[in-house]
N, C-alpha and C. Protein backbone atom coordinates (compact mmCIF):
# COMPACT_ATOMS: atom_id res chain seq x y z
N UNK A 1 120.94 96.86 127.68
CA UNK A 1 119.23 97.44 127.24
C UNK A 1 119.78 99.13 126.87
N UNK A 2 119.94 99.65 125.75
CA UNK A 2 120.26 101.45 126.00
C UNK A 2 118.56 101.59 126.48
N UNK A 3 119.13 102.98 126.74
CA UNK A 3 117.98 103.62 127.52
C UNK A 3 116.58 103.75 127.11
N UNK A 4 116.84 104.28 125.62
CA UNK A 4 115.99 103.98 124.48
C UNK A 4 114.74 103.19 123.93
N UNK A 5 115.65 101.94 124.04
CA UNK A 5 114.85 100.33 124.47
C UNK A 5 113.90 100.41 125.48
N UNK A 6 114.63 100.79 126.84
CA UNK A 6 113.97 100.50 127.98
C UNK A 6 112.85 101.71 128.17
N UNK A 7 112.70 102.80 127.38
CA UNK A 7 111.80 103.55 127.54
C UNK A 7 110.56 103.14 126.61
N UNK A 8 110.96 102.56 125.51
CA UNK A 8 109.73 101.88 124.57
C UNK A 8 109.28 100.78 124.83
N UNK A 9 109.84 99.83 125.71
CA UNK A 9 109.39 98.72 126.78
C UNK A 9 108.68 99.06 127.63
N UNK A 10 108.90 100.05 128.37
CA UNK A 10 107.99 100.40 129.23
C UNK A 10 106.93 101.19 128.59
N UNK A 11 106.91 101.98 127.63
CA UNK A 11 105.67 102.68 126.60
C UNK A 11 104.85 101.23 126.29
N UNK A 12 104.99 100.38 125.84
CA UNK A 12 104.63 98.82 125.06
C UNK A 12 103.90 98.52 126.42
N UNK A 13 104.62 97.87 127.74
CA UNK A 13 104.20 97.45 128.51
C UNK A 13 102.76 97.94 128.93
N UNK A 14 102.26 99.41 129.04
CA UNK A 14 101.61 100.21 129.54
C UNK A 14 100.35 100.34 128.63
N UNK A 15 100.73 99.88 127.41
CA UNK A 15 99.49 99.75 125.99
C UNK A 15 98.39 98.90 126.71
N UNK A 16 96.86 99.39 126.40
CA UNK A 16 95.73 98.25 126.94
C UNK A 16 96.08 97.41 125.72
N UNK A 17 95.25 96.22 126.06
CA UNK A 17 95.06 94.99 125.33
C UNK A 17 95.17 95.53 123.52
N UNK A 18 93.59 96.35 123.17
CA UNK A 18 93.78 96.79 121.84
C UNK A 18 94.81 97.63 121.51
N UNK A 19 95.16 98.15 121.92
CA UNK A 19 96.49 99.24 121.28
C UNK A 19 97.71 97.69 121.26
N UNK A 20 97.95 97.02 122.05
CA UNK A 20 98.86 95.74 122.09
C UNK A 20 98.29 95.65 120.23
N UNK A 21 97.11 94.97 120.21
CA UNK A 21 96.87 94.36 118.97
C UNK A 21 97.36 95.25 117.99
N UNK A 22 97.17 96.38 118.07
CA UNK A 22 97.12 97.55 117.28
C UNK A 22 98.87 97.41 116.51
N UNK A 23 99.46 97.44 117.15
CA UNK A 23 100.98 97.52 117.35
C UNK A 23 101.65 96.92 116.98
N UNK A 24 100.77 95.31 117.69
CA UNK A 24 101.75 93.93 116.83
C UNK A 24 101.36 93.64 115.37
N UNK A 25 99.80 94.09 115.00
CA UNK A 25 99.40 93.79 113.89
C UNK A 25 100.07 94.68 113.09
N UNK A 26 100.56 95.87 112.88
CA UNK A 26 101.52 97.23 112.32
C UNK A 26 102.64 96.73 112.41
N UNK A 27 103.50 95.83 113.69
CA UNK A 27 105.21 95.54 113.42
C UNK A 27 104.93 94.74 112.74
N UNK A 28 103.93 93.86 112.07
CA UNK A 28 103.86 92.33 111.62
C UNK A 28 103.39 92.95 109.90
N UNK A 29 103.03 94.02 109.89
CA UNK A 29 102.68 94.52 108.19
C UNK A 29 104.19 95.14 107.63
N UNK A 30 104.43 96.32 108.89
CA UNK A 30 106.04 96.60 108.63
C UNK A 30 107.12 95.36 108.36
N UNK A 31 107.19 94.24 108.96
CA UNK A 31 108.13 93.18 108.71
C UNK A 31 107.96 92.63 107.57
N UNK A 32 106.36 92.04 107.12
CA UNK A 32 106.11 92.16 106.25
C UNK A 32 106.75 92.40 104.77
N UNK A 33 106.27 93.66 104.83
CA UNK A 33 107.00 94.73 104.09
C UNK A 33 108.33 94.87 103.42
N UNK A 34 109.11 94.86 104.71
CA UNK A 34 110.77 95.03 104.63
C UNK A 34 111.20 93.30 103.78
N UNK A 35 110.09 92.33 104.43
CA UNK A 35 111.14 91.08 103.76
C UNK A 35 110.45 90.85 102.45
N UNK A 36 109.13 91.34 102.20
CA UNK A 36 108.72 91.10 100.22
C UNK A 36 109.84 92.25 99.90
N UNK A 37 110.57 93.48 100.28
CA UNK A 37 111.45 94.45 99.44
C UNK A 37 112.53 93.52 99.24
N UNK A 38 113.15 92.72 100.47
CA UNK A 38 114.34 92.19 100.20
C UNK A 38 114.48 91.22 99.11
N UNK A 39 112.83 90.70 99.42
CA UNK A 39 112.39 89.65 98.04
C UNK A 39 112.91 90.10 96.89
N UNK A 40 112.14 91.37 96.64
CA UNK A 40 111.97 91.53 95.26
C UNK A 40 113.40 92.28 94.96
N UNK A 41 114.55 92.99 96.04
CA UNK A 41 116.09 92.66 95.59
C UNK A 41 116.73 91.75 95.09
N UNK A 42 116.12 90.90 96.03
CA UNK A 42 116.99 89.62 95.30
C UNK A 42 116.55 89.14 93.91
N UNK A 43 115.52 89.17 93.87
CA UNK A 43 114.65 88.62 92.30
C UNK A 43 115.50 89.25 91.18
N UNK A 44 115.68 90.69 91.46
CA UNK A 44 116.11 91.93 90.72
C UNK A 44 117.24 91.04 90.54
N UNK A 45 118.29 91.32 91.70
CA UNK A 45 119.57 90.84 91.35
C UNK A 45 119.86 89.59 90.51
N UNK A 46 119.34 88.89 90.66
CA UNK A 46 119.38 87.35 90.24
C UNK A 46 118.80 87.65 88.54
N UNK A 47 117.50 88.55 88.60
CA UNK A 47 117.99 88.76 86.99
C UNK A 47 118.50 89.36 85.92
N UNK A 48 118.88 90.31 86.92
CA UNK A 48 119.83 91.08 86.60
C UNK A 48 121.26 89.94 86.28
N UNK A 49 122.18 89.49 86.72
CA UNK A 49 123.07 88.69 86.39
C UNK A 49 122.87 87.40 85.63
N UNK A 50 121.47 87.13 85.16
CA UNK A 50 121.43 86.06 84.15
C UNK A 50 120.26 87.36 82.76
N UNK A 51 120.81 87.98 83.03
CA UNK A 51 120.56 89.26 81.51
C UNK A 51 119.26 89.16 81.52
N UNK A 52 118.61 89.29 82.21
CA UNK A 52 117.51 89.15 82.03
C UNK A 52 116.05 90.26 82.89
N UNK A 53 117.15 91.24 83.67
CA UNK A 53 116.37 92.21 84.23
C UNK A 53 115.53 93.39 83.09
N UNK A 54 115.73 93.62 81.63
CA UNK A 54 115.28 94.24 80.75
C UNK A 54 114.69 93.83 80.12
N UNK A 55 113.83 92.60 80.47
CA UNK A 55 113.27 91.74 79.43
C UNK A 55 112.19 91.83 79.29
N UNK A 56 111.16 92.30 77.93
CA UNK A 56 109.93 92.96 77.87
C UNK A 56 109.27 92.10 78.84
N UNK A 57 107.85 92.34 78.69
CA UNK A 57 106.69 92.10 79.45
C UNK A 57 106.47 90.62 79.01
N UNK A 58 105.85 91.01 76.95
CA UNK A 58 105.17 90.27 76.46
C UNK A 58 106.02 88.49 76.33
N UNK A 59 107.70 89.11 76.82
CA UNK A 59 108.18 87.65 76.41
C UNK A 59 108.46 86.68 77.62
N UNK A 60 108.45 87.98 78.49
CA UNK A 60 108.29 87.15 79.95
C UNK A 60 107.09 85.83 80.11
N UNK A 61 105.89 87.09 79.96
CA UNK A 61 105.17 86.35 79.93
C UNK A 61 105.06 84.68 79.11
N UNK A 62 105.35 85.02 77.93
CA UNK A 62 105.62 83.47 77.32
C UNK A 62 106.47 82.50 77.72
N UNK A 63 107.38 83.36 78.60
CA UNK A 63 108.47 82.60 79.04
C UNK A 63 107.48 81.55 80.62
N UNK A 64 107.10 82.48 81.43
CA UNK A 64 105.88 81.98 82.18
C UNK A 64 104.95 80.92 81.79
N UNK A 65 103.94 80.96 80.41
CA UNK A 65 103.27 80.41 79.93
C UNK A 65 103.95 78.93 79.88
N UNK A 66 105.07 79.16 78.78
CA UNK A 66 105.80 77.82 78.48
C UNK A 66 105.92 76.78 79.30
N UNK A 67 106.74 77.72 80.72
CA UNK A 67 107.00 76.84 82.01
C UNK A 67 105.56 76.28 82.85
N UNK A 68 104.57 76.86 82.49
CA UNK A 68 103.07 76.10 83.60
C UNK A 68 102.63 75.10 82.46
N UNK A 69 102.97 75.63 81.21
CA UNK A 69 102.65 74.09 80.28
C UNK A 69 103.39 72.81 80.46
N UNK A 70 104.29 73.30 80.56
CA UNK A 70 105.05 72.36 81.02
C UNK A 70 105.31 71.37 82.19
N UNK A 71 104.83 72.43 83.07
CA UNK A 71 104.70 71.57 84.46
C UNK A 71 103.22 71.14 84.48
N UNK A 72 102.53 71.42 84.04
CA UNK A 72 101.22 70.71 83.57
C UNK A 72 100.97 69.58 82.96
N UNK A 73 102.01 69.59 82.02
CA UNK A 73 101.58 67.97 81.07
C UNK A 73 102.69 67.53 81.92
N UNK A 74 103.72 67.70 82.72
CA UNK A 74 104.35 66.45 83.41
C UNK A 74 103.87 66.32 84.76
N UNK A 75 102.86 66.72 85.25
CA UNK A 75 101.71 66.34 86.57
C UNK A 75 100.24 66.09 86.30
N UNK A 76 99.70 66.21 85.23
CA UNK A 76 98.57 65.67 84.73
C UNK A 76 98.68 65.28 83.00
N UNK A 77 99.85 63.95 82.79
CA UNK A 77 99.68 63.87 81.84
C UNK A 77 98.32 63.30 81.07
N UNK A 78 98.45 63.37 79.65
CA UNK A 78 96.73 62.59 79.31
C UNK A 78 96.08 63.65 79.32
């Protein structure tokens, strides 16, 4: 372990319960944001490869509506 990591571990170990809880919540939030950003980047890249990245919002909403209707008719026939 590097010295910096060891110092950080010691500092974390010295926190009281409420500080630890706040730290864990903050780490969770930051991790979530990073993962969400990665997902967004992957989706953007896929849309770019499919030539749909610059598609107008209205056209995208029409496609989503059509997909939703297809699923609804398949899952809830009649």
